[in-house]
Amino acid sequence: VLNDKYEVKGKYMLWLGSISYMFYLSHETISYILLTYLYIDSLIVWVILSVIVASILYIVRKRIKV
């Protein structure tokens, strides 16, 4: 908490913050696969798949405690 006035309490904001690093690591690979191999250029599909993969990677990383 930076200060009491700007405390973030939203469950979804905290979840998004926790997967943000995994999103950063996986988004470029996912977009490359979608565009190059699957010929899908939809931004919505890219965002949804990136969030799903980032969530899975976060859970796996949390369980193996790297």
C-alpha atoms as a PDB file:
ATOM      1  CA  VAL A   1       0.000   0.000   0.000  1.00  0.00           C
ATOM      2  CA  LEU A   2       1.500   3.291  -1.069  1.00  0.00           C
ATOM      3  CA  ASN A   3      -0.853   5.254   1.133  1.00  0.00           C
ATOM      4  CA  ASP A   4      -4.313   4.841   2.601  1.00  0.00           C
ATOM      5  CA  LYS A   5      -5.997   6.997  -0.038  1.00  0.00           C
ATOM      6  CA  TYR A   6      -4.981   4.813  -3.002  1.00  0.00           C
ATOM      7  CA  GLU A   7      -5.240   1.298  -1.612  1.00  0.00           C
ATOM      8  CA  VAL A   8      -6.172  -1.298  -4.251  1.00  0.00           C
ATOM      9  CA  LYS A   9      -8.772  -3.717  -2.934  1.00  0.00           C
ATOM     10  CA  GLY A  10     -10.231  -5.107  -6.141  1.00  0.00           C
ATOM     11  CA  LYS A  11      -9.896  -8.869  -6.434  1.00  0.00           C
ATOM     12  CA  TYR A  12      -9.534  -8.751 -10.209  1.00  0.00           C
ATOM     13  CA  MET A  13      -6.968  -5.952 -10.132  1.00  0.00           C
ATOM     14  CA  LEU A  14      -4.826  -7.938  -7.713  1.00  0.00           C
ATOM     15  CA  TRP A  15      -5.152 -11.047  -9.894  1.00  0.00           C
ATOM     16  CA  LEU A  16      -4.179  -9.055 -12.992  1.00  0.00           C
ATOM     17  CA  GLY A  17      -1.168  -7.649 -11.178  1.00  0.00           C
ATOM     18  CA  SER A  18      -0.056 -11.098 -10.093  1.00  0.00           C
ATOM     19  CA  ILE A  19      -0.123 -12.535 -13.637  1.00  0.00           C
ATOM     20  CA  SER A  20       1.350  -9.455 -15.315  1.00  0.00           C
ATOM     21  CA  TYR A  21       4.941 -10.779 -15.379  1.00  0.00           C
ATOM     22  CA  MET A  22       3.856 -14.072 -16.929  1.00  0.00           C
ATOM     23  CA  PHE A  23       1.761 -12.118 -19.432  1.00  0.00           C
ATOM     24  CA  TYR A  24       4.855 -10.119 -20.329  1.00  0.00           C
ATOM     25  CA  LEU A  25       6.872 -13.307 -20.848  1.00  0.00           C
ATOM     26  CA  SER A  26       4.281 -15.160 -22.930  1.00  0.00           C
ATOM     27  CA  HIS A  27       2.469 -12.573 -25.047  1.00  0.00           C
ATOM     28  CA  GLU A  28       5.044 -12.329 -27.820  1.00  0.00           C
ATOM     29  CA  THR A  29       5.278 -16.098 -28.298  1.00  0.00           C
ATOM     30  CA  ILE A  30       1.505 -16.467 -28.375  1.00  0.00           C
ATOM     31  CA  SER A  31       1.105 -13.702 -30.949  1.00  0.00           C
ATOM     32  CA  TYR A  32       3.835 -15.229 -33.109  1.00  0.00           C
ATOM     33  CA  ILE A  33       2.153 -18.649 -33.049  1.00  0.00           C
ATOM     34  CA  LEU A  34      -1.291 -17.196 -33.770  1.00  0.00           C
ATOM     35  CA  LEU A  35      -0.102 -15.108 -36.696  1.00  0.00           C
ATOM     36  CA  THR A  36       2.452 -17.444 -38.236  1.00  0.00           C
ATOM     37  CA  TYR A  37       0.979 -20.898 -37.844  1.00  0.00           C
ATOM     38  CA  LEU A  38      -2.741 -20.432 -37.237  1.00  0.00           C
ATOM     39  CA  TYR A  39      -3.281 -17.292 -39.375  1.00  0.00           C
ATOM     40  CA  ILE A  40      -5.418 -15.694 -36.663  1.00  0.00           C
ATOM     41  CA  ASP A  41      -5.036 -11.937 -36.402  1.00  0.00           C
ATOM     42  CA  SER A  42      -7.803 -11.171 -33.891  1.00  0.00           C
ATOM     43  CA  LEU A  43      -6.763  -8.958 -31.009  1.00  0.00           C
ATOM     44  CA  ILE A  44      -9.510 -10.348 -28.778  1.00  0.00           C
ATOM     45  CA  VAL A  45      -8.364 -13.949 -29.313  1.00  0.00           C
ATOM     46  CA  TRP A  46      -4.771 -12.906 -28.619  1.00  0.00           C
ATOM     47  CA  VAL A  47      -5.660 -11.169 -25.346  1.00  0.00           C
ATOM     48  CA  ILE A  48      -7.843 -14.042 -24.128  1.00  0.00           C
ATOM     49  CA  LEU A  49      -5.216 -16.690 -24.926  1.00  0.00           C
ATOM     50  CA  SER A  50      -2.443 -14.589 -23.403  1.00  0.00           C
ATOM     51  CA  VAL A  51      -4.370 -14.146 -20.155  1.00  0.00           C
ATOM     52  CA  ILE A  52      -5.177 -17.867 -19.986  1.00  0.00           C
ATOM     53  CA  VAL A  53      -1.561 -18.890 -20.611  1.00  0.00           C
ATOM     54  CA  ALA A  54      -0.261 -16.281 -18.166  1.00  0.00           C
ATOM     55  CA  SER A  55      -2.655 -17.567 -15.492  1.00  0.00           C
ATOM     56  CA  ILE A  56      -1.527 -21.151 -16.031  1.00  0.00           C
ATOM     57  CA  LEU A  57       2.143 -20.173 -15.958  1.00  0.00           C
ATOM     58  CA  TYR A  58       1.602 -18.176 -12.762  1.00  0.00           C
ATOM     59  CA  ILE A  59      -0.086 -21.121 -11.044  1.00  0.00           C
ATOM     60  CA  VAL A  60       2.660 -23.525 -12.133  1.00  0.00           C
ATOM     61  CA  ARG A  61       5.411 -21.125 -11.051  1.00  0.00           C
ATOM     62  CA  LYS A  62       3.727 -20.597  -7.708  1.00  0.00           C
ATOM     63  CA  ARG A  63       3.474 -24.338  -7.064  1.00  0.00           C
ATOM     64  CA  ILE A  64       7.092 -25.148  -7.903  1.00  0.00           C
ATOM     65  CA  LYS A  65       8.328 -22.012  -6.075  1.00  0.00           C
ATOM     66  CA  VAL A  66      11.029 -20.969  -8.487  1.00  0.00           C
END
